């Protein structure tokens, strides 16, 4: 109800609010489908709306209010699958360099250099960050912590640039536990608020069109161009199978096959140095990890 309210209010209720369940045969659903298309609903959005209606009527079938789900006999509109937008390290670093806060840079690096889903990054705690790896087994979505999308735990290697950002933020935060990227009051960060107040302005200043989830695609691209197999990339991304990885990133595997492999850390380091020269932001990634000292009373 919370996340599908806009769909219900715009594309379902105005058209079907007077219909009885027993009247919702496949022909009636197809008429509704044609009506919303005529009123400006795109093919992709119409398919999404049909899935919402199908979920509603599927519940009616489970409650014995309908003998079958009529949406199952209605064809989806053919649409082209959008190609994942993988940013190169230069674009990732250009966005990062325009972020003023260490927390925000660390959060963006977790997405772009560890492949965390946005909801996984919001739920990450310092106890999940080990010396060389990050343990990912929870996500923050719909206002509560839940298991990951695939209900699987995975371990991700920490690359040197990401380690530098995490170390710098942890030293400034002075935290040994709790959320890695908390809100100003210490709770879970609101992704929509962060996207509009931090991420979007940084993208505009960098001249890069992106959204936070593109960081995950960028991480996949780094692994693929370093020569990792589909199985290894699937494990790092937390995909249910290598088939899912291949479905999303087949074009990147083909690009990598025709080019020489690249070292991810070297590519990130070069991009970070270039971003520093362009913006005057001191890079936090050096050849050797920096040691941080904390003054205590």
Protein backbone atom coordinates (compact mmCIF):
# COMPACT_ATOMS: atom_id res chain seq x y z
CA UNK A 1 0.00 0.00 0.00
CA UNK A 2 2.82 2.40 0.83
CA UNK A 3 4.96 1.87 -2.27
CA UNK A 4 2.23 1.07 -4.82
CA UNK A 5 -0.18 3.84 -3.81
CA UNK A 6 0.74 6.04 -6.78
CA UNK A 7 0.14 3.17 -9.21
CA UNK A 8 -3.18 2.28 -7.60
CA UNK A 9 -4.41 5.87 -7.50
CA UNK A 10 -3.47 6.70 -11.09
CA UNK A 11 -3.78 3.57 -13.18
CA UNK A 12 -5.95 1.03 -11.35
CA UNK A 13 -8.61 2.57 -9.10
CA UNK A 14 -9.96 5.15 -11.60
CA UNK A 15 -10.47 2.42 -14.20
CA UNK A 16 -11.50 -0.63 -12.16
CA UNK A 17 -13.00 0.66 -8.92
CA UNK A 18 -16.55 -0.19 -10.03
CA UNK A 19 -15.75 -3.65 -11.36
CA UNK A 20 -16.70 -6.80 -9.44
CA UNK A 21 -14.10 -9.51 -9.08
CA UNK A 22 -16.22 -11.92 -11.09
CA UNK A 23 -16.23 -9.40 -13.97
CA UNK A 24 -12.44 -9.25 -14.21
CA UNK A 25 -11.99 -11.82 -16.95
CA UNK A 26 -8.93 -11.64 -19.24
CA UNK A 27 -10.94 -9.66 -21.82
CA UNK A 28 -11.82 -7.01 -19.19
CA UNK A 29 -8.17 -6.79 -18.11
CA UNK A 30 -7.07 -6.36 -21.74
CA UNK A 31 -9.61 -3.55 -22.19
CA UNK A 32 -8.23 -1.86 -19.06
CA UNK A 33 -4.70 -2.34 -20.37
CA UNK A 34 -5.61 -0.65 -23.66
CA UNK A 35 -7.32 2.20 -21.82
CA UNK A 36 -4.33 3.11 -19.68
CA UNK A 37 -2.05 2.93 -22.73
CA UNK A 38 -4.37 5.32 -24.56
CA UNK A 39 -4.17 7.69 -21.57
CA UNK A 40 -0.38 7.92 -21.74
CA UNK A 41 0.91 4.94 -19.76
CA UNK A 42 4.12 3.71 -21.41
CA UNK A 43 4.58 0.07 -22.37
CA UNK A 44 7.14 -0.47 -19.63
CA UNK A 45 4.98 1.19 -16.99
CA UNK A 46 1.89 -0.69 -18.21
CA UNK A 47 3.73 -3.95 -17.61
CA UNK A 48 4.64 -2.82 -14.10
CA UNK A 49 1.04 -1.82 -13.40
CA UNK A 50 -0.15 -5.19 -14.68
CA UNK A 51 2.18 -6.90 -12.19
CA UNK A 52 0.63 -4.88 -9.36
CA UNK A 53 -2.89 -5.80 -10.47
CA UNK A 54 -1.81 -9.43 -10.84
CA UNK A 55 -0.52 -9.45 -7.26
CA UNK A 56 -3.85 -8.05 -6.04
CA UNK A 57 -5.92 -10.59 -7.95
CA UNK A 58 -3.51 -13.35 -6.96
CA UNK A 59 -4.41 -12.62 -3.35
CA UNK A 60 -8.09 -12.93 -4.30
CA UNK A 61 -7.37 -16.37 -5.78
CA UNK A 62 -5.63 -17.44 -2.57
CA UNK A 63 -8.70 -16.33 -0.61
CA UNK A 64 -11.02 -18.31 -2.92
CA UNK A 65 -12.65 -15.13 -4.21
CA UNK A 66 -11.57 -15.88 -7.79
CA UNK A 67 -11.11 -19.23 -9.51
CA UNK A 68 -8.07 -18.00 -11.45
CA UNK A 69 -5.92 -14.92 -11.92
CA UNK A 70 -7.04 -13.31 -15.21
CA UNK A 71 -3.77 -11.36 -15.51
CA UNK A 72 -1.88 -14.57 -16.14
CA UNK A 73 -3.59 -14.85 -19.53
CA UNK A 74 -2.84 -11.27 -20.56
CA UNK A 75 0.32 -10.66 -22.58
CA UNK A 76 2.90 -8.10 -21.53
CA UNK A 77 3.96 -5.44 -23.99
CA UNK A 78 7.32 -6.13 -25.63
CA UNK A 79 9.96 -3.77 -24.29
CA UNK A 80 13.72 -3.58 -24.66
CA UNK A 81 15.68 -4.42 -21.54
CA UNK A 82 17.69 -1.32 -20.61
CA UNK A 83 21.44 -1.84 -20.56
CA UNK A 84 22.94 -1.33 -17.08
CA UNK A 85 24.81 1.96 -16.90
CA UNK A 86 28.32 1.20 -15.67
CA UNK A 87 30.35 4.31 -14.86
CA UNK A 88 34.09 4.22 -15.41
CA UNK A 89 36.42 5.04 -12.47
CA UNK A 90 36.88 8.58 -13.77
CA UNK A 91 33.13 9.25 -13.56
CA UNK A 92 32.84 7.59 -10.16
CA UNK A 93 35.69 9.69 -8.79
CA UNK A 94 34.34 12.88 -10.37
CA UNK A 95 31.11 12.38 -8.43
CA UNK A 96 32.94 11.44 -5.24
CA UNK A 97 35.19 14.51 -5.43
CA UNK A 98 32.11 16.77 -5.40
CA UNK A 99 30.84 15.26 -2.16
CA UNK A 100 31.89 17.31 0.84
CA UNK A 101 31.32 14.79 3.63
CA UNK A 102 33.51 11.79 4.44
CA UNK A 103 30.37 9.77 5.19
CA UNK A 104 28.97 10.48 1.74
CA UNK A 105 32.21 9.56 0.00
CA UNK A 106 32.44 6.33 1.97
CA UNK A 107 28.82 5.48 1.16
CA UNK A 108 29.34 6.09 -2.56
CA UNK A 109 32.55 4.05 -2.50
CA UNK A 110 30.70 1.14 -0.87
CA UNK A 111 28.32 1.10 -3.83
CA UNK A 112 30.91 1.67 -6.56
CA UNK A 113 33.86 -0.32 -5.18
CA UNK A 114 32.13 -3.10 -3.22
CA UNK A 115 28.96 -3.46 -5.26
CA UNK A 116 26.59 -3.07 -2.32
CA UNK A 117 22.96 -2.51 -3.20
CA UNK A 118 21.76 0.83 -1.87
CA UNK A 119 19.65 -0.84 0.81
CA UNK A 120 22.63 -3.02 1.84
CA UNK A 121 24.90 0.00 2.20
CA UNK A 122 22.36 1.74 4.45
CA UNK A 123 22.22 -1.31 6.75
CA UNK A 124 25.99 -1.93 6.92
CA UNK A 125 27.52 -1.77 10.40
CA UNK A 126 31.12 -1.31 11.44
CA UNK A 127 31.21 -4.82 12.87
CA UNK A 128 30.56 -6.06 9.32
CA UNK A 129 33.72 -4.35 8.11
CA UNK A 130 36.66 -6.69 8.72
CA UNK A 131 40.34 -6.14 8.04
CA UNK A 132 40.21 -7.25 4.42
CA UNK A 133 36.55 -8.04 3.75
CA UNK A 134 32.98 -6.83 4.24
CA UNK A 135 30.23 -9.22 5.31
CA UNK A 136 26.90 -8.40 3.66
CA UNK A 137 23.84 -10.11 5.13
CA UNK A 138 21.21 -7.43 5.74
CA UNK A 139 19.41 -4.56 4.04
CA UNK A 140 17.38 -1.57 5.15
CA UNK A 141 14.23 -1.16 3.09
CA UNK A 142 10.63 -0.08 3.65
CA UNK A 143 11.59 1.30 7.05
CA UNK A 144 13.06 -1.88 8.54
CA UNK A 145 16.10 -4.13 8.39
CA UNK A 146 15.62 -7.33 6.42
CA UNK A 147 17.79 -10.03 4.85
CA UNK A 148 19.42 -9.27 1.51
CA UNK A 149 17.41 -9.48 -1.70
CA UNK A 150 18.47 -13.09 -2.34
CA UNK A 151 18.50 -14.05 1.37
CA UNK A 152 22.19 -14.92 1.00
CA UNK A 153 25.23 -13.81 2.95
CA UNK A 154 28.29 -12.85 0.95
CA UNK A 155 31.79 -11.62 1.64
CA UNK A 156 33.28 -8.81 -0.44
CA UNK A 157 36.96 -7.94 -0.69
CA UNK A 158 37.88 -4.41 0.36
CA UNK A 159 39.93 -2.66 -2.30
CA UNK A 160 42.53 -0.12 -1.20
CA UNK A 161 40.59 3.01 -2.31
CA UNK A 162 37.51 1.85 -0.41
CA UNK A 163 39.63 1.03 2.65
CA UNK A 164 41.05 4.55 2.57
CA UNK A 165 37.59 6.11 2.50
CA UNK A 166 36.31 3.85 5.29
CA UNK A 167 39.37 4.48 7.48
CA UNK A 168 39.12 8.24 7.03
CA UNK A 169 35.42 8.29 7.86
CA UNK A 170 35.78 5.92 10.81
CA UNK A 171 38.58 8.04 12.30
CA UNK A 172 36.52 11.21 11.90
CA UNK A 173 33.39 9.56 13.28
CA UNK A 174 35.26 7.96 16.18
CA UNK A 175 32.99 4.93 15.99
CA UNK A 176 33.75 1.28 16.61
CA UNK A 177 30.18 0.05 16.25
CA UNK A 178 26.87 1.12 14.79
CA UNK A 179 25.88 2.06 11.26
CA UNK A 180 28.64 2.93 8.82
CA UNK A 181 26.53 5.61 7.13
CA UNK A 182 24.02 6.87 9.70
CA UNK A 183 21.80 9.90 9.44
CA UNK A 184 22.61 13.08 11.35
CA UNK A 185 20.61 11.77 14.32
CA UNK A 186 22.25 8.34 14.27
CA UNK A 187 19.48 6.30 12.63
CA UNK A 188 19.22 4.83 9.18
CA UNK A 189 19.85 7.29 6.40
CA UNK A 190 16.89 8.21 4.19
CA UNK A 191 18.01 7.24 0.69
CA UNK A 192 15.63 9.62 -1.08
CA UNK A 193 16.82 12.54 1.01
CA UNK A 194 20.48 11.61 0.46
CA UNK A 195 19.94 11.21 -3.25
CA UNK A 196 18.38 14.67 -3.63
CA UNK A 197 20.61 16.57 -1.19
CA UNK A 198 23.99 14.93 -1.78
CA UNK A 199 24.16 12.60 -4.75
CA UNK A 200 22.25 14.58 -7.37
CA UNK A 201 24.12 17.88 -6.75
CA UNK A 202 27.44 15.99 -6.91
CA UNK A 203 26.46 14.44 -10.24
CA UNK A 204 25.41 17.81 -11.63
CA UNK A 205 28.66 19.42 -10.51
CA UNK A 206 30.64 16.56 -12.08
CA UNK A 207 28.61 16.64 -15.28
CA UNK A 208 27.77 12.94 -14.96
CA UNK A 209 24.29 11.46 -15.36
CA UNK A 210 23.91 8.69 -12.79
CA UNK A 211 21.89 7.27 -9.93
CA UNK A 212 23.22 5.53 -6.80
CA UNK A 213 22.49 2.04 -8.16
CA UNK A 214 24.85 2.72 -11.06
CA UNK A 215 27.67 2.29 -8.57
CA UNK A 216 26.84 -1.42 -8.35
CA UNK A 217 27.03 -1.71 -12.14
CA UNK A 218 30.37 0.11 -12.04
CA UNK A 219 31.72 -2.42 -9.55
CA UNK A 220 30.58 -5.27 -11.79
CA UNK A 221 32.39 -3.64 -14.71
CA UNK A 222 35.60 -3.36 -12.69
CA UNK A 223 35.51 -7.05 -11.82
CA UNK A 224 34.67 -8.14 -15.35
CA UNK A 225 37.44 -6.07 -16.92
CA UNK A 226 39.91 -7.49 -14.41
CA UNK A 227 39.23 -10.94 -15.86
CA UNK A 228 36.85 -12.38 -13.25
CA UNK A 229 34.56 -15.18 -14.37
CA UNK A 230 30.74 -14.87 -14.36
CA UNK A 231 30.64 -17.18 -11.33
CA UNK A 232 33.10 -15.00 -9.40
CA UNK A 233 31.25 -11.82 -10.32
CA UNK A 234 27.93 -13.39 -9.30
CA UNK A 235 29.37 -14.31 -5.90
CA UNK A 236 30.72 -10.78 -5.34
CA UNK A 237 27.42 -9.16 -6.34
CA UNK A 238 25.24 -11.59 -4.39
CA UNK A 239 23.32 -12.79 -7.43
CA UNK A 240 21.30 -15.95 -7.08
CA UNK A 241 23.15 -17.51 -10.00
CA UNK A 242 25.76 -16.75 -12.66
CA UNK A 243 22.91 -16.82 -15.17
CA UNK A 244 21.55 -13.62 -13.63
CA UNK A 245 24.98 -12.01 -13.89
CA UNK A 246 25.33 -13.02 -17.54
CA UNK A 247 21.84 -11.73 -18.35
CA UNK A 248 22.70 -8.27 -17.02
CA UNK A 249 26.33 -7.95 -18.06
CA UNK A 250 26.88 -10.09 -21.17
CA UNK A 251 27.91 -6.98 -23.12
CA UNK A 252 30.58 -6.16 -20.54
CA UNK A 253 31.99 -9.69 -20.67
CA UNK A 254 32.20 -9.36 -24.46
CA UNK A 255 34.00 -6.01 -24.14
CA UNK A 256 36.45 -7.49 -21.65
CA UNK A 257 37.11 -10.48 -23.92
CA UNK A 258 38.29 -8.14 -26.66
CA UNK A 259 40.53 -6.03 -24.42
CA UNK A 260 43.42 -6.60 -22.05
CA UNK A 261 42.58 -6.99 -18.38
CA UNK A 262 42.98 -4.01 -16.07
CA UNK A 263 43.83 -3.81 -12.39
CA UNK A 264 40.84 -2.25 -10.58
CA UNK A 265 42.85 -0.58 -7.83
CA UNK A 266 45.28 0.97 -10.28
CA UNK A 267 42.41 2.28 -12.40
CA UNK A 268 40.70 3.79 -9.36
CA UNK A 269 43.94 5.27 -8.05
CA UNK A 270 44.67 6.97 -11.37
CA UNK A 271 41.11 8.32 -11.57
CA UNK A 272 41.28 9.59 -8.00
CA UNK A 273 44.51 11.43 -8.65
CA UNK A 274 43.00 12.99 -11.77
CA UNK A 275 39.93 14.08 -9.80
CA UNK A 276 42.19 15.60 -7.16
CA UNK A 277 44.03 17.63 -9.75
CA UNK A 278 40.77 18.80 -11.29
CA UNK A 279 39.01 19.76 -8.06
CA UNK A 280 41.75 20.30 -5.50
CA UNK A 281 40.37 17.52 -3.28
CA UNK A 282 43.19 15.62 -1.59
CA UNK A 283 42.99 11.90 -2.45
CA UNK A 284 42.66 9.50 0.46
CA UNK A 285 44.09 6.56 -1.50
CA UNK A 286 47.87 6.23 -1.34
CA UNK A 287 50.23 3.46 -2.30
CA UNK A 288 50.31 2.35 1.32
CA UNK A 289 47.34 2.52 3.70
CA UNK A 290 47.62 5.48 6.06
CA UNK A 291 47.77 4.99 9.78
CA UNK A 292 45.25 7.04 11.74
CA UNK A 293 45.89 8.24 15.26
CA UNK A 294 43.07 9.20 17.57
CA UNK A 295 43.58 11.44 20.61
CA UNK A 296 41.74 10.22 23.67
CA UNK A 297 41.42 11.78 27.09
